[in-house]
Amino acid sequence: MKSIAHVISTIFQPLLMPTYGVMLLFVYTYLGSMYSHQFWPVITPVVLFSFIVPAILIIMLYRMGFVSDLSLKVRRERIYPYIITLLSYSAMIVFYYRMHMPLWFLMNMAASVVIMIIAILITLKWKISAHMFGIGGLIGGAMAISYYVERSNPYYMFMGLFIIAGLVGTSRLILRRHTLYQVIAGFFLGFIVSFVFVWIGTQA
């Protein structure tokens, strides 16, 4: 069971959630047709700034001894990786802003920054599941975009996403990385912030 839990945790690690989110946008929103010939120009910034850059810098922190484990088991060691991710996400938003992406898209990305800020503050006192605020943010953003941008209800996609969220949460519990409360708190943090931010982006 632990080996399966490790695989699930790796595939759905927090740094990959923004990339999965943007890829999904090409499936269930008008971006799929409007930017059909610009897939790589749109997907490259999120891969670069939300995954590659933070991953490289976190590995450097590990090699320099600032973090003792790449899975960031120790709560106090999460602050620096979180700050790195926050700054990298901010650069990503600036990049997309200059590409003149829709406001709801930018707000979906901005939600990730706010989630990281809240997570940093929480981490000063308590350990919250990054995996769960990652998948929670993905679901919250997808749900708000579907309802307020596309005016649709792709319930099969939501069913799949919630199943994935359940698998990720269960994996974190099996690996004993978090308590049940930390898993639940992480999910609702990501979900609520992303949903609200996308909703705000559609009201302007």
Protein backbone atom coordinates (compact mmCIF):
# COMPACT_ATOMS: atom_id res chain seq x y z
CA MET A 1 0.00 0.00 0.00
CA LYS A 2 2.78 2.41 0.85
CA SER A 3 4.38 2.00 -2.56
CA ILE A 4 1.09 2.88 -4.26
CA ALA A 5 0.67 5.83 -1.90
CA HIS A 6 4.16 7.05 -2.86
CA VAL A 7 3.30 6.85 -6.57
CA ILE A 8 0.05 8.76 -6.09
CA SER A 9 1.78 11.41 -3.98
CA THR A 10 4.46 11.84 -6.64
CA ILE A 11 2.10 12.06 -9.62
CA PHE A 12 -0.17 14.55 -7.85
CA GLN A 13 2.46 16.56 -6.02
CA PRO A 14 1.59 20.23 -5.38
CA LEU A 15 4.07 21.66 -7.87
CA LEU A 16 2.29 19.90 -10.73
CA MET A 17 -1.23 21.04 -9.87
CA PRO A 18 -1.09 24.38 -11.75
CA THR A 19 0.15 22.55 -14.86
CA TYR A 20 -2.65 20.01 -14.65
CA GLY A 21 -5.08 22.88 -14.15
CA VAL A 22 -4.00 24.74 -17.29
CA MET A 23 -4.04 21.53 -19.33
CA LEU A 24 -7.61 20.91 -18.19
CA LEU A 25 -8.59 24.38 -19.34
CA PHE A 26 -7.82 23.32 -22.90
CA VAL A 27 -10.29 20.48 -22.47
CA TYR A 28 -13.37 22.08 -20.91
CA THR A 29 -13.12 25.83 -21.71
CA TYR A 30 -13.02 28.02 -24.79
CA LEU A 31 -9.22 28.25 -24.45
CA GLY A 32 -9.12 24.94 -26.31
CA SER A 33 -10.41 26.63 -29.46
CA MET A 34 -9.19 30.20 -28.96
CA TYR A 35 -5.61 29.12 -28.21
CA SER A 36 -5.61 25.87 -30.18
CA HIS A 37 -2.43 26.88 -32.04
CA GLN A 38 -0.78 28.35 -28.93
CA PHE A 39 -0.82 25.37 -26.62
CA TRP A 40 2.92 25.41 -25.92
CA PRO A 41 3.22 29.20 -25.45
CA VAL A 42 0.42 28.96 -22.86
CA ILE A 43 1.55 25.78 -21.11
CA THR A 44 5.29 26.53 -21.01
CA PRO A 45 5.15 29.35 -18.40
CA VAL A 46 3.17 27.26 -15.91
CA VAL A 47 5.50 24.28 -16.33
CA LEU A 48 8.53 26.52 -15.95
CA PHE A 49 7.44 28.75 -13.06
CA SER A 50 5.26 26.38 -11.06
CA PHE A 51 7.31 23.20 -11.43
CA ILE A 52 10.79 23.37 -12.96
CA VAL A 53 12.11 26.52 -11.23
CA PRO A 54 10.74 25.70 -7.74
CA ALA A 55 11.84 22.06 -8.04
CA ILE A 56 15.42 23.02 -8.96
CA LEU A 57 15.66 25.60 -6.17
CA ILE A 58 14.20 23.19 -3.59
CA ILE A 59 16.75 20.56 -4.63
CA MET A 60 19.45 23.21 -4.16
CA LEU A 61 18.11 23.92 -0.66
CA TYR A 62 18.34 20.21 0.07
CA ARG A 63 21.92 19.99 -1.15
CA MET A 64 22.84 23.06 0.89
CA GLY A 65 21.31 21.50 4.01
CA PHE A 66 18.43 23.94 4.49
CA VAL A 67 15.96 21.06 4.19
CA SER A 68 16.67 17.55 5.41
CA ASP A 69 14.23 15.76 3.12
CA LEU A 70 12.83 16.55 -0.33
CA SER A 71 9.36 15.54 0.83
CA LEU A 72 9.57 18.36 3.41
CA LYS A 73 8.50 16.25 6.36
CA VAL A 74 9.71 18.79 8.92
CA ARG A 75 7.23 21.66 9.35
CA ARG A 76 9.76 24.43 10.02
CA GLU A 77 11.75 23.44 6.90
CA ARG A 78 8.76 24.17 4.65
CA ILE A 79 9.00 27.95 4.96
CA TYR A 80 11.86 28.49 2.48
CA PRO A 81 10.43 26.16 -0.21
CA TYR A 82 7.04 27.82 0.20
CA ILE A 83 8.57 31.29 -0.22
CA ILE A 84 10.44 30.13 -3.32
CA THR A 85 7.23 28.74 -4.78
CA LEU A 86 5.37 31.94 -3.91
CA LEU A 87 7.91 34.12 -5.75
CA SER A 88 7.99 31.80 -8.74
CA TYR A 89 4.19 31.76 -8.96
CA SER A 90 4.20 35.57 -8.84
CA ALA A 91 6.61 35.69 -11.79
CA MET A 92 4.28 33.33 -13.65
CA ILE A 93 1.32 35.67 -13.16
CA VAL A 94 3.32 38.63 -14.50
CA PHE A 95 4.22 36.55 -17.55
CA TYR A 96 0.59 35.63 -18.21
CA TYR A 97 -0.51 39.21 -17.63
CA ARG A 98 1.83 40.34 -20.38
CA MET A 99 0.30 37.65 -22.62
CA HIS A 100 -3.08 39.36 -22.07
CA MET A 101 -4.73 36.23 -20.71
CA PRO A 102 -8.37 36.58 -19.49
CA LEU A 103 -8.91 38.06 -16.03
CA TRP A 104 -10.51 34.87 -14.69
CA PHE A 105 -7.40 32.97 -15.82
CA LEU A 106 -5.12 35.44 -14.04
CA MET A 107 -7.25 35.26 -10.90
CA ASN A 108 -7.06 31.47 -10.98
CA MET A 109 -3.28 31.80 -10.98
CA ALA A 110 -3.36 34.53 -8.32
CA ALA A 111 -5.27 32.13 -6.07
CA SER A 112 -2.16 29.95 -5.96
CA VAL A 113 -0.14 32.89 -4.61
CA VAL A 114 -2.71 33.65 -1.92
CA ILE A 115 -2.89 29.97 -0.97
CA MET A 116 0.89 29.93 -0.56
CA ILE A 117 0.83 33.07 1.61
CA ILE A 118 -1.82 31.56 3.88
CA ALA A 119 0.06 28.24 3.95
CA ILE A 120 3.26 30.03 5.02
CA LEU A 121 1.43 31.73 7.90
CA ILE A 122 -0.21 28.46 8.97
CA THR A 123 3.10 26.60 8.76
CA LEU A 124 4.61 28.91 11.36
CA LYS A 125 2.39 27.18 13.93
CA TRP A 126 0.91 24.09 12.32
CA LYS A 127 1.54 21.61 9.52
CA ILE A 128 -0.99 21.66 6.68
CA SER A 129 -1.09 19.34 3.68
CA ALA A 130 0.42 20.95 0.59
CA HIS A 131 -0.79 18.03 -1.53
CA MET A 132 -4.34 18.70 -0.45
CA PHE A 133 -4.34 22.46 -0.93
CA GLY A 134 -2.89 21.72 -4.36
CA ILE A 135 -5.67 19.38 -5.46
CA GLY A 136 -8.26 21.45 -3.57
CA GLY A 137 -7.18 24.54 -5.50
CA LEU A 138 -7.37 22.63 -8.77
CA ILE A 139 -10.94 21.48 -8.05
CA GLY A 140 -12.10 24.84 -6.71
CA GLY A 141 -10.75 26.69 -9.73
CA ALA A 142 -12.17 24.15 -12.19
CA MET A 143 -15.59 24.29 -10.56
CA ALA A 144 -15.75 28.11 -10.55
CA ILE A 145 -14.56 28.33 -14.16
CA SER A 146 -17.12 25.76 -15.26
CA TYR A 147 -20.01 27.52 -13.52
CA TYR A 148 -19.15 31.19 -14.04
CA VAL A 149 -17.13 31.19 -17.28
CA GLU A 150 -18.39 28.23 -19.31
CA ARG A 151 -21.85 27.98 -17.66
CA SER A 152 -21.50 24.21 -17.79
CA ASN A 153 -21.41 21.25 -15.43
CA PRO A 154 -18.80 18.69 -16.53
CA TYR A 155 -19.78 16.35 -13.73
CA TYR A 156 -17.73 13.43 -15.04
CA MET A 157 -14.61 15.59 -14.75
CA PHE A 158 -15.60 16.63 -11.22
CA MET A 159 -16.21 13.01 -10.25
CA GLY A 160 -12.73 12.12 -11.49
CA LEU A 161 -11.12 15.05 -9.68
CA PHE A 162 -12.82 14.24 -6.37
CA ILE A 163 -11.75 10.61 -6.68
CA ILE A 164 -8.17 11.80 -7.23
CA ALA A 165 -8.49 14.10 -4.20
CA GLY A 166 -9.65 11.15 -2.12
CA LEU A 167 -6.73 9.04 -3.31
CA VAL A 168 -4.23 11.80 -2.57
CA GLY A 169 -5.63 12.43 0.89
CA THR A 170 -5.67 8.72 1.70
CA SER A 171 -2.08 8.41 0.46
CA ARG A 172 -0.93 11.19 2.77
CA LEU A 173 -2.58 9.41 5.70
CA ILE A 174 -1.13 6.02 4.76
CA LEU A 175 2.34 7.54 4.54
CA ARG A 176 1.70 9.26 7.89
CA ARG A 177 2.74 12.61 6.49
CA HIS A 178 -0.35 14.32 7.89
CA THR A 179 -3.26 13.89 10.24
CA LEU A 180 -6.85 13.77 9.00
CA TYR A 181 -7.42 17.37 10.12
CA GLN A 182 -4.35 18.58 8.22
CA VAL A 183 -5.58 16.82 5.09
CA ILE A 184 -9.09 18.27 5.36
CA ALA A 185 -7.80 21.76 6.18
CA GLY A 186 -5.47 21.68 3.20
CA PHE A 187 -8.24 20.71 0.80
CA PHE A 188 -10.66 23.39 1.96
CA LEU A 189 -7.95 26.06 1.95
CA GLY A 190 -7.18 25.37 -1.71
CA PHE A 191 -10.78 24.88 -2.77
CA ILE A 192 -12.27 27.98 -1.13
CA VAL A 193 -9.51 30.42 -2.14
CA SER A 194 -9.45 29.24 -5.78
CA PHE A 195 -13.23 29.21 -6.12
CA VAL A 196 -13.61 32.70 -4.66
CA PHE A 197 -10.78 34.21 -6.70
CA VAL A 198 -12.09 32.86 -10.01
CA TRP A 199 -15.58 34.08 -9.10
CA ILE A 200 -14.16 37.56 -8.42
CA GLY A 201 -12.37 37.42 -11.78
CA THR A 202 -15.67 36.82 -13.57
CA GLN A 203 -17.45 39.75 -11.91
CA ALA A 204 -15.21 42.48 -13.35
